[in-house]
Amino acid sequence: MGNIQRILISDLSGKSNILAKAKQFGLDLESHDPVVLEIVAQLKELESQGFQFEGAEASFELLMRKAIGTRRKYFDLLAFRVIDQKFKDNEPTQAEATIKVRVGGHTEHTAVG
């Protein structure tokens, strides 16, 4: 199998990169579509906040699907609780999170800590 071209997405990306990625994801976008400029602007804003999409193609696909209006809703967030504890100055902070989500018709509780 030969080499393949991989298009990276970053704050330096423009419309052509967005359109190429849309094609890879099977999304129908045209260069004159105003949502393309919206995606470029959102990408630049998120990257200025510290997000990176070069190695997170699935996250970028979700961002595109949200802008286009085709993002699936996989779960409903019902509630969450986060506890952050610091015991001593020389010990790391401990954190624990509990979430409650509905997936399909079932409610799930998960604790991470």
PDB file of N, CA and C in Angstrom:
ATOM      1  N   MET A   1       0.840  -1.172   0.000  1.00  0.00           N
ATOM      2  CA  MET A   1       0.000   0.000   0.000  1.00  0.00           C
ATOM      3  C   MET A   1       0.886   1.237   0.000  1.00  0.00           C
ATOM      4  N   GLY A   2       0.541   2.223  -0.786  1.00  0.00           N
ATOM      5  CA  GLY A   2       1.356   3.411  -0.921  1.00  0.00           C
ATOM      6  C   GLY A   2       1.064   4.463   0.117  1.00  0.00           C
ATOM      7  N   ASN A   3       1.750   5.565  -0.017  1.00  0.00           N
ATOM      8  CA  ASN A   3       1.542   6.698   0.881  1.00  0.00           C
ATOM      9  C   ASN A   3       0.209   7.368   0.581  1.00  0.00           C
ATOM     10  N   ILE A   4      -0.358   7.961   1.603  1.00  0.00           N
ATOM     11  CA  ILE A   4      -1.579   8.730   1.422  1.00  0.00           C
ATOM     12  C   ILE A   4      -1.356  10.138   1.965  1.00  0.00           C
ATOM     13  N   GLN A   5      -2.068  11.090   1.399  1.00  0.00           N
ATOM     14  CA  GLN A   5      -1.975  12.464   1.870  1.00  0.00           C
ATOM     15  C   GLN A   5      -2.890  12.647   3.064  1.00  0.00           C
ATOM     16  N   ARG A   6      -2.386  13.295   4.104  1.00  0.00           N
ATOM     17  CA  ARG A   6      -3.179  13.575   5.297  1.00  0.00           C
ATOM     18  C   ARG A   6      -3.277  15.084   5.460  1.00  0.00           C
ATOM     19  N   ILE A   7      -4.489  15.567   5.539  1.00  0.00           N
ATOM     20  CA  ILE A   7      -4.718  17.003   5.693  1.00  0.00           C
ATOM     21  C   ILE A   7      -4.869  17.305   7.170  1.00  0.00           C
ATOM     22  N   LEU A   8      -3.987  18.158   7.684  1.00  0.00           N
ATOM     23  CA  LEU A   8      -4.039  18.541   9.089  1.00  0.00           C
ATOM     24  C   LEU A   8      -4.854  19.817   9.229  1.00  0.00           C
ATOM     25  N   ILE A   9      -5.579  19.889  10.320  1.00  0.00           N
ATOM     26  CA  ILE A   9      -6.422  21.051  10.605  1.00  0.00           C
ATOM     27  C   ILE A   9      -5.809  21.817  11.771  1.00  0.00           C
ATOM     28  N   SER A  10      -5.630  23.114  11.571  1.00  0.00           N
ATOM     29  CA  SER A  10      -5.113  23.965  12.652  1.00  0.00           C
ATOM     30  C   SER A  10      -5.637  25.380  12.441  1.00  0.00           C
ATOM     31  N   ASP A  11      -5.181  26.304  13.295  1.00  0.00           N
ATOM     32  CA  ASP A  11      -5.623  27.691  13.174  1.00  0.00           C
ATOM     33  C   ASP A  11      -5.096  28.349  11.895  1.00  0.00           C
ATOM     34  N   LEU A  12      -4.178  27.681  11.201  1.00  0.00           N
ATOM     35  CA  LEU A  12      -3.675  28.188   9.930  1.00  0.00           C
ATOM     36  C   LEU A  12      -4.492  27.679   8.742  1.00  0.00           C
ATOM     37  N   SER A  13      -5.451  26.808   9.013  1.00  0.00           N
ATOM     38  CA  SER A  13      -6.271  26.235   7.952  1.00  0.00           C
ATOM     39  C   SER A  13      -7.226  27.270   7.382  1.00  0.00           C
ATOM     40  N   GLY A  14      -7.513  27.096   6.108  1.00  0.00           N
ATOM     41  CA  GLY A  14      -8.479  27.953   5.452  1.00  0.00           C
ATOM     42  C   GLY A  14      -9.620  27.132   4.884  1.00  0.00           C
ATOM     43  N   LYS A  15     -10.384  27.754   3.997  1.00  0.00           N
ATOM     44  CA  LYS A  15     -11.568  27.107   3.431  1.00  0.00           C
ATOM     45  C   LYS A  15     -11.225  25.811   2.698  1.00  0.00           C
ATOM     46  N   SER A  16     -10.117  25.794   1.965  1.00  0.00           N
ATOM     47  CA  SER A  16      -9.783  24.598   1.180  1.00  0.00           C
ATOM     48  C   SER A  16      -9.533  23.389   2.073  1.00  0.00           C
ATOM     49  N   ASN A  17      -8.870  23.581   3.210  1.00  0.00           N
ATOM     50  CA  ASN A  17      -8.654  22.466   4.150  1.00  0.00           C
ATOM     51  C   ASN A  17      -9.975  21.999   4.752  1.00  0.00           C
ATOM     52  N   ILE A  18     -10.848  22.934   5.074  1.00  0.00           N
ATOM     53  CA  ILE A  18     -12.150  22.585   5.641  1.00  0.00           C
ATOM     54  C   ILE A  18     -12.951  21.774   4.625  1.00  0.00           C
ATOM     55  N   LEU A  19     -12.950  22.211   3.375  1.00  0.00           N
ATOM     56  CA  LEU A  19     -13.689  21.499   2.335  1.00  0.00           C
ATOM     57  C   LEU A  19     -13.113  20.106   2.089  1.00  0.00           C
ATOM     58  N   ALA A  20     -11.783  19.983   2.126  1.00  0.00           N
ATOM     59  CA  ALA A  20     -11.153  18.671   1.938  1.00  0.00           C
ATOM     60  C   ALA A  20     -11.523  17.728   3.075  1.00  0.00           C
ATOM     61  N   LYS A  21     -11.516  18.225   4.305  1.00  0.00           N
ATOM     62  CA  LYS A  21     -11.899  17.393   5.459  1.00  0.00           C
ATOM     63  C   LYS A  21     -13.363  17.010   5.380  1.00  0.00           C
ATOM     64  N   ALA A  22     -14.212  17.947   4.986  1.00  0.00           N
ATOM     65  CA  ALA A  22     -15.639  17.646   4.846  1.00  0.00           C
ATOM     66  C   ALA A  22     -15.831  16.493   3.862  1.00  0.00           C
ATOM     67  N   LYS A  23     -15.098  16.532   2.768  1.00  0.00           N
ATOM     68  CA  LYS A  23     -15.190  15.459   1.766  1.00  0.00           C
ATOM     69  C   LYS A  23     -14.739  14.130   2.373  1.00  0.00           C
ATOM     70  N   GLN A  24     -13.650  14.149   3.148  1.00  0.00           N
ATOM     71  CA  GLN A  24     -13.172  12.925   3.816  1.00  0.00           C
ATOM     72  C   GLN A  24     -14.232  12.351   4.743  1.00  0.00           C
ATOM     73  N   PHE A  25     -14.967  13.222   5.425  1.00  0.00           N
ATOM     74  CA  PHE A  25     -15.989  12.782   6.378  1.00  0.00           C
ATOM     75  C   PHE A  25     -17.325  12.477   5.699  1.00  0.00           C
ATOM     76  N   GLY A  26     -17.395  12.673   4.384  1.00  0.00           N
ATOM     77  CA  GLY A  26     -18.634  12.407   3.667  1.00  0.00           C
ATOM     78  C   GLY A  26     -19.684  13.498   3.838  1.00  0.00           C
ATOM     79  N   LEU A  27     -19.230  14.699   4.151  1.00  0.00           N
ATOM     80  CA  LEU A  27     -20.138  15.828   4.338  1.00  0.00           C
ATOM     81  C   LEU A  27     -20.189  16.663   3.065  1.00  0.00           C
ATOM     82  N   ASP A  28     -21.361  17.124   2.718  1.00  0.00           N
ATOM     83  CA  ASP A  28     -21.567  17.877   1.489  1.00  0.00           C
ATOM     84  C   ASP A  28     -21.500  19.370   1.775  1.00  0.00           C
ATOM     85  N   LEU A  29     -20.341  19.961   1.494  1.00  0.00           N
ATOM     86  CA  LEU A  29     -20.156  21.401   1.677  1.00  0.00           C
ATOM     87  C   LEU A  29     -19.621  21.998   0.381  1.00  0.00           C
ATOM     88  N   GLU A  30     -20.023  23.199   0.080  1.00  0.00           N
ATOM     89  CA  GLU A  30     -19.532  23.924  -1.091  1.00  0.00           C
ATOM     90  C   GLU A  30     -18.746  25.138  -0.615  1.00  0.00           C
ATOM     91  N   SER A  31     -17.799  25.596  -1.415  1.00  0.00           N
ATOM     92  CA  SER A  31     -16.935  26.712  -1.009  1.00  0.00           C
ATOM     93  C   SER A  31     -17.715  27.993  -0.744  1.00  0.00           C
ATOM     94  N   HIS A  32     -18.855  28.175  -1.404  1.00  0.00           N
ATOM     95  CA  HIS A  32     -19.649  29.394  -1.211  1.00  0.00           C
ATOM     96  C   HIS A  32     -20.605  29.299  -0.023  1.00  0.00           C
ATOM     97  N   ASP A  33     -20.651  28.145   0.621  1.00  0.00           N
ATOM     98  CA  ASP A  33     -21.547  27.942   1.770  1.00  0.00           C
ATOM     99  C   ASP A  33     -21.046  28.776   2.954  1.00  0.00           C
ATOM    100  N   PRO A  34     -21.872  29.640   3.553  1.00  0.00           N
ATOM    101  CA  PRO A  34     -21.422  30.485   4.671  1.00  0.00           C
ATOM    102  C   PRO A  34     -20.995  29.685   5.902  1.00  0.00           C
ATOM    103  N   VAL A  35     -21.459  28.444   6.032  1.00  0.00           N
ATOM    104  CA  VAL A  35     -21.076  27.643   7.188  1.00  0.00           C
ATOM    105  C   VAL A  35     -19.575  27.311   7.162  1.00  0.00           C
ATOM    106  N   VAL A  36     -18.968  27.323   5.977  1.00  0.00           N
ATOM    107  CA  VAL A  36     -17.528  27.054   5.873  1.00  0.00           C
ATOM    108  C   VAL A  36     -16.750  28.147   6.596  1.00  0.00           C
ATOM    109  N   LEU A  37     -17.111  29.397   6.369  1.00  0.00           N
ATOM    110  CA  LEU A  37     -16.435  30.506   7.064  1.00  0.00           C
ATOM    111  C   LEU A  37     -16.703  30.458   8.563  1.00  0.00           C
ATOM    112  N   GLU A  38     -17.899  30.019   8.943  1.00  0.00           N
ATOM    113  CA  GLU A  38     -18.228  29.861  10.364  1.00  0.00           C
ATOM    114  C   GLU A  38     -17.329  28.803  11.003  1.00  0.00           C
ATOM    115  N   ILE A  39     -17.099  27.701  10.306  1.00  0.00           N
ATOM    116  CA  ILE A  39     -16.234  26.631  10.821  1.00  0.00           C
ATOM    117  C   ILE A  39     -14.798  27.131  10.953  1.00  0.00           C
ATOM    118  N   VAL A  40     -14.312  27.860   9.946  1.00  0.00           N
ATOM    119  CA  VAL A  40     -12.954  28.418  10.001  1.00  0.00           C
ATOM    120  C   VAL A  40     -12.816  29.347  11.205  1.00  0.00           C
ATOM    121  N   ALA A  41     -13.795  30.216  11.411  1.00  0.00           N
ATOM    122  CA  ALA A  41     -13.747  31.164  12.533  1.00  0.00           C
ATOM    123  C   ALA A  41     -13.780  30.433  13.870  1.00  0.00           C
ATOM    124  N   GLN A  42     -14.633  29.417  13.971  1.00  0.00           N
ATOM    125  CA  GLN A  42     -14.728  28.670  15.223  1.00  0.00           C
ATOM    126  C   GLN A  42     -13.430  27.902  15.496  1.00  0.00           C
ATOM    127  N   LEU A  43     -12.841  27.330  14.454  1.00  0.00           N
ATOM    128  CA  LEU A  43     -11.567  26.633  14.582  1.00  0.00           C
ATOM    129  C   LEU A  43     -10.487  27.571  15.110  1.00  0.00           C
ATOM    130  N   LYS A  44     -10.382  28.744  14.533  1.00  0.00           N
ATOM    131  CA  LYS A  44      -9.371  29.709  14.962  1.00  0.00           C
ATOM    132  C   LYS A  44      -9.611  30.155  16.405  1.00  0.00           C
ATOM    133  N   GLU A  45     -10.868  30.365  16.776  1.00  0.00           N
ATOM    134  CA  GLU A  45     -11.195  30.772  18.145  1.00  0.00           C
ATOM    135  C   GLU A  45     -10.826  29.671  19.142  1.00  0.00           C
ATOM    136  N   LEU A  46     -11.201  28.442  18.844  1.00  0.00           N
ATOM    137  CA  LEU A  46     -10.904  27.338  19.764  1.00  0.00           C
ATOM    138  C   LEU A  46      -9.406  27.105  19.887  1.00  0.00           C
ATOM    139  N   GLU A  47      -8.678  27.180  18.780  1.00  0.00           N
ATOM    140  CA  GLU A  47      -7.224  26.990  18.848  1.00  0.00           C
ATOM    141  C   GLU A  47      -6.560  28.120  19.635  1.00  0.00           C
ATOM    142  N   SER A  48      -7.112  29.330  19.579  1.00  0.00           N
ATOM    143  CA  SER A  48      -6.549  30.431  20.371  1.00  0.00           C
ATOM    144  C   SER A  48      -6.774  30.208  21.863  1.00  0.00           C
ATOM    145  N   GLN A  49      -7.776  29.371  22.202  1.00  0.00           N
ATOM    146  CA  GLN A  49      -8.049  29.031  23.595  1.00  0.00           C
ATOM    147  C   GLN A  49      -7.234  27.817  24.065  1.00  0.00           C
ATOM    148  N   GLY A  50      -6.462  27.210  23.156  1.00  0.00           N
ATOM    149  CA  GLY A  50      -5.618  26.082  23.534  1.00  0.00           C
ATOM    150  C   GLY A  50      -6.041  24.735  22.981  1.00  0.00           C
ATOM    151  N   PHE A  51      -7.170  24.675  22.292  1.00  0.00           N
ATOM    152  CA  PHE A  51      -7.585  23.415  21.675  1.00  0.00           C
ATOM    153  C   PHE A  51      -6.670  23.102  20.497  1.00  0.00           C
ATOM    154  N   GLN A  52      -6.495  21.802  20.207  1.00  0.00           N
ATOM    155  CA  GLN A  52      -5.709  21.385  19.050  1.00  0.00           C
ATOM    156  C   GLN A  52      -6.478  20.312  18.297  1.00  0.00           C
ATOM    157  N   PHE A  53      -6.539  20.453  16.992  1.00  0.00           N
ATOM    158  CA  PHE A  53      -7.308  19.516  16.179  1.00  0.00           C
ATOM    159  C   PHE A  53      -6.435  18.697  15.228  1.00  0.00           C
ATOM    160  N   GLU A  54      -5.105  18.930  15.210  1.00  0.00           N
ATOM    161  CA  GLU A  54      -4.235  18.192  14.297  1.00  0.00           C
ATOM    162  C   GLU A  54      -4.363  16.687  14.507  1.00  0.00           C
ATOM    163  N   GLY A  55      -4.405  16.240  15.742  1.00  0.00           N
ATOM    164  CA  GLY A  55      -4.488  14.816  16.055  1.00  0.00           C
ATOM    165  C   GLY A  55      -5.849  14.414  16.588  1.00  0.00           C
ATOM    166  N   ALA A  56      -6.832  15.265  16.416  1.00  0.00           N
ATOM    167  CA  ALA A  56      -8.164  14.995  16.966  1.00  0.00           C
ATOM    168  C   ALA A  56      -9.209  15.130  15.867  1.00  0.00           C
ATOM    169  N   GLU A  57      -9.100  14.271  14.867  1.00  0.00           N
ATOM    170  CA  GLU A  57      -9.977  14.387  13.709  1.00  0.00           C
ATOM    171  C   GLU A  57     -11.442  14.140  14.070  1.00  0.00           C
ATOM    172  N   ALA A  58     -11.702  13.238  14.998  1.00  0.00           N
ATOM    173  CA  ALA A  58     -13.091  12.979  15.395  1.00  0.00           C
ATOM    174  C   ALA A  58     -13.697  14.213  16.065  1.00  0.00           C
ATOM    175  N   SER A  59     -12.912  14.909  16.874  1.00  0.00           N
ATOM    176  CA  SER A  59     -13.405  16.134  17.504  1.00  0.00           C
ATOM    177  C   SER A  59     -13.699  17.193  16.459  1.00  0.00           C
ATOM    178  N   PHE A  60     -12.842  17.277  15.438  1.00  0.00           N
ATOM    179  CA  PHE A  60     -13.094  18.254  14.381  1.00  0.00           C
ATOM    180  C   PHE A  60     -14.327  17.867  13.564  1.00  0.00           C
ATOM    181  N   GLU A  61     -14.517  16.572  13.345  1.00  0.00           N
ATOM    182  CA  GLU A  61     -15.727  16.131  12.633  1.00  0.00           C
ATOM    183  C   GLU A  61     -16.982  16.519  13.409  1.00  0.00           C
ATOM    184  N   LEU A  62     -16.962  16.347  14.734  1.00  0.00           N
ATOM    185  CA  LEU A  62     -18.103  16.750  15.557  1.00  0.00           C
ATOM    186  C   LEU A  62     -18.347  18.258  15.468  1.00  0.00           C
ATOM    187  N   LEU A  63     -17.267  19.032  15.475  1.00  0.00           N
ATOM    188  CA  LEU A  63     -17.389  20.487  15.337  1.00  0.00           C
ATOM    189  C   LEU A  63     -18.056  20.834  14.006  1.00  0.00           C
ATOM    190  N   MET A  64     -17.632  20.161  12.928  1.00  0.00           N
ATOM    191  CA  MET A  64     -18.222  20.412  11.608  1.00  0.00           C
ATOM    192  C   MET A  64     -19.691  19.997  11.568  1.00  0.00           C
ATOM    193  N   ARG A  65     -19.981  18.810  12.112  1.00  0.00           N
ATOM    194  CA  ARG A  65     -21.369  18.323  12.095  1.00  0.00           C
ATOM    195  C   ARG A  65     -22.290  19.238  12.907  1.00  0.00           C
ATOM    196  N   LYS A  66     -21.775  19.799  13.998  1.00  0.00           N
ATOM    197  CA  LYS A  66     -22.577  20.733  14.793  1.00  0.00           C
ATOM    198  C   LYS A  66     -22.891  21.984  13.973  1.00  0.00           C
ATOM    199  N   ALA A  67     -21.890  22.509  13.266  1.00  0.00           N
ATOM    200  CA  ALA A  67     -22.081  23.719  12.468  1.00  0.00           C
ATOM    201  C   ALA A  67     -23.064  23.473  11.323  1.00  0.00           C
ATOM    202  N   ILE A  68     -23.019  22.279  10.748  1.00  0.00           N
ATOM    203  CA  ILE A  68     -23.889  21.944   9.625  1.00  0.00           C
ATOM    204  C   ILE A  68     -25.295  21.578  10.108  1.00  0.00           C
ATOM    205  N   GLY A  69     -25.375  21.089  11.360  1.00  0.00           N
ATOM    206  CA  GLY A  69     -26.667  20.686  11.912  1.00  0.00           C
ATOM    207  C   GLY A  69     -26.954  19.203  11.769  1.00  0.00           C
ATOM    208  N   THR A  70     -25.889  18.392  11.601  1.00  0.00           N
ATOM    209  CA  THR A  70     -26.083  16.945  11.441  1.00  0.00           C
ATOM    210  C   THR A  70     -25.465  16.137  12.582  1.00  0.00           C
ATOM    211  N   ARG A  71     -25.102  16.801  13.667  1.00  0.00           N
ATOM    212  CA  ARG A  71     -24.488  16.072  14.789  1.00  0.00           C
ATOM    213  C   ARG A  71     -25.541  15.250  15.515  1.00  0.00           C
ATOM    214  N   ARG A  72     -25.226  13.973  15.750  1.00  0.00           N
ATOM    215  CA  ARG A  72     -26.120  13.099  16.504  1.00  0.00           C
ATOM    216  C   ARG A  72     -25.988  13.377  17.989  1.00  0.00           C
ATOM    217  N   LYS A  73     -27.066  13.176  18.700  1.00  0.00           N
ATOM    218  CA  LYS A  73     -27.047  13.320  20.149  1.00  0.00           C
ATOM    219  C   LYS A  73     -26.954  11.916  20.742  1.00  0.00           C
ATOM    220  N   TYR A  74     -25.823  11.587  21.338  1.00  0.00           N
ATOM    221  CA  TYR A  74     -25.577  10.242  21.841  1.00  0.00           C
ATOM    222  C   TYR A  74     -26.103  10.032  23.258  1.00  0.00           C
ATOM    223  N   PHE A  75     -26.186  11.108  24.025  1.00  0.00           N
ATOM    224  CA  PHE A  75     -26.658  11.006  25.411  1.00  0.00           C
ATOM    225  C   PHE A  75     -27.170  12.357  25.869  1.00  0.00           C
ATOM    226  N   ASP A  76     -27.944  12.347  26.957  1.00  0.00           N
ATOM    227  CA  ASP A  76     -28.392  13.575  27.613  1.00  0.00           C
ATOM    228  C   ASP A  76     -27.709  13.655  28.970  1.00  0.00           C
ATOM    229  N   LEU A  77     -27.032  14.748  29.236  1.00  0.00           N
ATOM    230  CA  LEU A  77     -26.424  14.971  30.540  1.00  0.00           C
ATOM    231  C   LEU A  77     -27.519  15.414  31.501  1.00  0.00           C
ATOM    232  N   LEU A  78     -27.742  14.638  32.548  1.00  0.00           N
ATOM    233  CA  LEU A  78     -28.793  14.947  33.517  1.00  0.00           C
ATOM    234  C   LEU A  78     -28.246  15.711  34.715  1.00  0.00           C
ATOM    235  N   ALA A  79     -27.051  15.334  35.177  1.00  0.00           N
ATOM    236  CA  ALA A  79     -26.472  16.003  36.346  1.00  0.00           C
ATOM    237  C   ALA A  79     -24.994  15.640  36.435  1.00  0.00           C
ATOM    238  N   PHE A  80     -24.219  16.471  37.134  1.00  0.00           N
ATOM    239  CA  PHE A  80     -22.829  16.131  37.414  1.00  0.00           C
ATOM    240  C   PHE A  80     -22.397  16.801  38.707  1.00  0.00           C
ATOM    241  N   ARG A  81     -21.382  16.209  39.332  1.00  0.00           N
ATOM    242  CA  ARG A  81     -20.801  16.756  40.559  1.00  0.00           C
ATOM    243  C   ARG A  81     -19.298  16.522  40.492  1.00  0.00           C
ATOM    244  N   VAL A  82     -18.516  17.547  40.817  1.00  0.00           N
ATOM    245  CA  VAL A  82     -17.060  17.441  40.821  1.00  0.00           C
ATOM    246  C   VAL A  82     -16.567  17.851  42.196  1.00  0.00           C
ATOM    247  N   ILE A  83     -15.719  17.020  42.784  1.00  0.00           N
ATOM    248  CA  ILE A  83     -15.114  17.328  44.078  1.00  0.00           C
ATOM    249  C   ILE A  83     -13.608  17.408  43.871  1.00  0.00           C
ATOM    250  N   ASP A  84     -13.016  18.506  44.290  1.00  0.00           N
ATOM    251  CA  ASP A  84     -11.588  18.743  44.151  1.00  0.00           C
ATOM    252  C   ASP A  84     -11.027  18.930  45.559  1.00  0.00           C
ATOM    253  N   GLN A  85     -10.025  18.120  45.919  1.00  0.00           N
ATOM    254  CA  GLN A  85      -9.496  18.166  47.284  1.00  0.00           C
ATOM    255  C   GLN A  85      -7.983  18.352  47.273  1.00  0.00           C
ATOM    256  N   LYS A  86      -7.498  19.153  48.209  1.00  0.00           N
ATOM    257  CA  LYS A  86      -6.067  19.352  48.417  1.00  0.00           C
ATOM    258  C   LYS A  86      -5.818  19.132  49.900  1.00  0.00           C
ATOM    259  N   PHE A  87      -5.005  18.117  50.242  1.00  0.00           N
ATOM    260  CA  PHE A  87      -4.782  17.781  51.641  1.00  0.00           C
ATOM    261  C   PHE A  87      -3.542  18.449  52.210  1.00  0.00           C
ATOM    262  N   LYS A  88      -2.428  18.344  51.516  1.00  0.00           N
ATOM    263  CA  LYS A  88      -1.181  18.949  51.977  1.00  0.00           C
ATOM    264  C   LYS A  88      -0.532  19.683  50.819  1.00  0.00           C
ATOM    265  N   ASP A  89       0.297  20.669  51.158  1.00  0.00           N
ATOM    266  CA  ASP A  89       0.927  21.478  50.112  1.00  0.00           C
ATOM    267  C   ASP A  89       1.785  20.665  49.156  1.00  0.00           C
ATOM    268  N   ASN A  90       2.432  19.618  49.651  1.00  0.00           N
ATOM    269  CA  ASN A  90       3.353  18.863  48.800  1.00  0.00           C
ATOM    270  C   ASN A  90       2.693  17.664  48.111  1.00  0.00           C
ATOM    271  N   GLU A  91       1.398  17.485  48.277  1.00  0.00           N
ATOM    272  CA  GLU A  91       0.692  16.380  47.625  1.00  0.00           C
ATOM    273  C   GLU A  91      -0.164  16.922  46.476  1.00  0.00           C
ATOM    274  N   PRO A  92      -0.336  16.117  45.453  1.00  0.00           N
ATOM    275  CA  PRO A  92      -1.163  16.582  44.324  1.00  0.00           C
ATOM    276  C   PRO A  92      -2.637  16.681  44.710  1.00  0.00           C
ATOM    277  N   THR A  93      -3.336  17.490  43.987  1.00  0.00           N
ATOM    278  CA  THR A  93      -4.773  17.631  44.174  1.00  0.00           C
ATOM    279  C   THR A  93      -5.464  16.344  43.754  1.00  0.00           C
ATOM    280  N   GLN A  94      -6.497  15.961  44.498  1.00  0.00           N
ATOM    281  CA  GLN A  94      -7.299  14.798  44.128  1.00  0.00           C
ATOM    282  C   GLN A  94      -8.655  15.287  43.641  1.00  0.00           C
ATOM    283  N   ALA A  95      -9.120  14.691  42.562  1.00  0.00           N
ATOM    284  CA  ALA A  95     -10.412  15.092  42.005  1.00  0.00           C
ATOM    285  C   ALA A  95     -11.278  13.861  41.791  1.00  0.00           C
ATOM    286  N   GLU A  96     -12.574  14.055  41.954  1.00  0.00           N
ATOM    287  CA  GLU A  96     -13.548  12.983  41.744  1.00  0.00           C
ATOM    288  C   GLU A  96     -14.748  13.594  41.027  1.00  0.00           C
ATOM    289  N   ALA A  97     -15.262  12.885  40.033  1.00  0.00           N
ATOM    290  CA  ALA A  97     -16.424  13.381  39.302  1.00  0.00           C
ATOM    291  C   ALA A  97     -17.476  12.283  39.239  1.00  0.00           C
ATOM    292  N   THR A  98     -18.706  12.678  39.395  1.00  0.00           N
ATOM    293  CA  THR A  98     -19.844  11.771  39.246  1.00  0.00           C
ATOM    294  C   THR A  98     -20.778  12.390  38.221  1.00  0.00           C
ATOM    295  N   ILE A  99     -21.168  11.585  37.228  1.00  0.00           N
ATOM    296  CA  ILE A  99     -22.093  12.092  36.228  1.00  0.00           C
ATOM    297  C   ILE A  99     -23.307  11.182  36.129  1.00  0.00           C
ATOM    298  N   LYS A 100     -24.412  11.770  35.712  1.00  0.00           N
ATOM    299  CA  LYS A 100     -25.645  11.034  35.489  1.00  0.00           C
ATOM    300  C   LYS A 100     -26.111  11.375  34.077  1.00  0.00           C
ATOM    301  N   VAL A 101     -26.194  10.342  33.221  1.00  0.00           N
ATOM    302  CA  VAL A 101     -26.594  10.546  31.831  1.00  0.00           C
ATOM    303  C   VAL A 101     -27.716   9.587  31.458  1.00  0.00           C
ATOM    304  N   ARG A 102     -28.449   9.976  30.418  1.00  0.00           N
ATOM    305  CA  ARG A 102     -29.457   9.088  29.855  1.00  0.00           C
ATOM    306  C   ARG A 102     -28.973   8.709  28.463  1.00  0.00           C
ATOM    307  N   VAL A 103     -28.840   7.388  28.246  1.00  0.00           N
ATOM    308  CA  VAL A 103     -28.432   6.851  26.951  1.00  0.00           C
ATOM    309  C   VAL A 103     -29.583   5.996  26.455  1.00  0.00           C
ATOM    310  N   GLY A 104     -30.166   6.384  25.328  1.00  0.00           N
ATOM    311  CA  GLY A 104     -31.379   5.695  24.886  1.00  0.00           C
ATOM    312  C   GLY A 104     -32.458   5.964  25.920  1.00  0.00           C
ATOM    313  N   GLY A 105     -33.037   4.929  26.480  1.00  0.00           N
ATOM    314  CA  GLY A 105     -34.040   5.102  27.519  1.00  0.00           C
ATOM    315  C   GLY A 105     -33.517   4.775  28.903  1.00  0.00           C
ATOM    316  N   HIS A 106     -32.223   4.515  29.034  1.00  0.00           N
ATOM    317  CA  HIS A 106     -31.637   4.092  30.305  1.00  0.00           C
ATOM    318  C   HIS A 106     -30.852   5.216  30.955  1.00  0.00           C
ATOM    319  N   THR A 107     -30.945   5.302  32.281  1.00  0.00           N
ATOM    320  CA  THR A 107     -30.164   6.284  33.045  1.00  0.00           C
ATOM    321  C   THR A 107     -28.967   5.581  33.647  1.00  0.00           C
ATOM    322  N   GLU A 108     -27.789   6.217  33.487  1.00  0.00           N
ATOM    323  CA  GLU A 108     -26.540   5.651  33.965  1.00  0.00           C
ATOM    324  C   GLU A 108     -25.864   6.620  34.926  1.00  0.00           C
ATOM    325  N   HIS A 109     -25.252   6.086  35.995  1.00  0.00           N
ATOM    326  CA  HIS A 109     -24.429   6.863  36.922  1.00  0.00           C
ATOM    327  C   HIS A 109     -22.995   6.363  36.778  1.00  0.00           C
ATOM    328  N   THR A 110     -22.046   7.271  36.704  1.00  0.00           N
ATOM    329  CA  THR A 110     -20.641   6.893  36.614  1.00  0.00           C
ATOM    330  C   THR A 110     -19.830   7.794  37.538  1.00  0.00           C
ATOM    331  N   ALA A 111     -18.910   7.178  38.257  1.00  0.00           N
ATOM    332  CA  ALA A 111     -18.001   7.929  39.116  1.00  0.00           C
ATOM    333  C   ALA A 111     -16.590   7.720  38.611  1.00  0.00           C
ATOM    334  N   VAL A 112     -15.827   8.808  38.532  1.00  0.00           N
ATOM    335  CA  VAL A 112     -14.436   8.751  38.109  1.00  0.00           C
ATOM    336  C   VAL A 112     -13.618   9.468  39.158  1.00  0.00           C
ATOM    337  N   GLY A 113     -12.554   8.871  39.585  1.00  0.00           N
ATOM    338  CA  GLY A 113     -11.752   9.543  40.599  1.00  0.00           C
ATOM    339  C   GLY A 113     -10.409   8.974  40.774  1.00  0.00           C
TER     340      GLY A 113
END
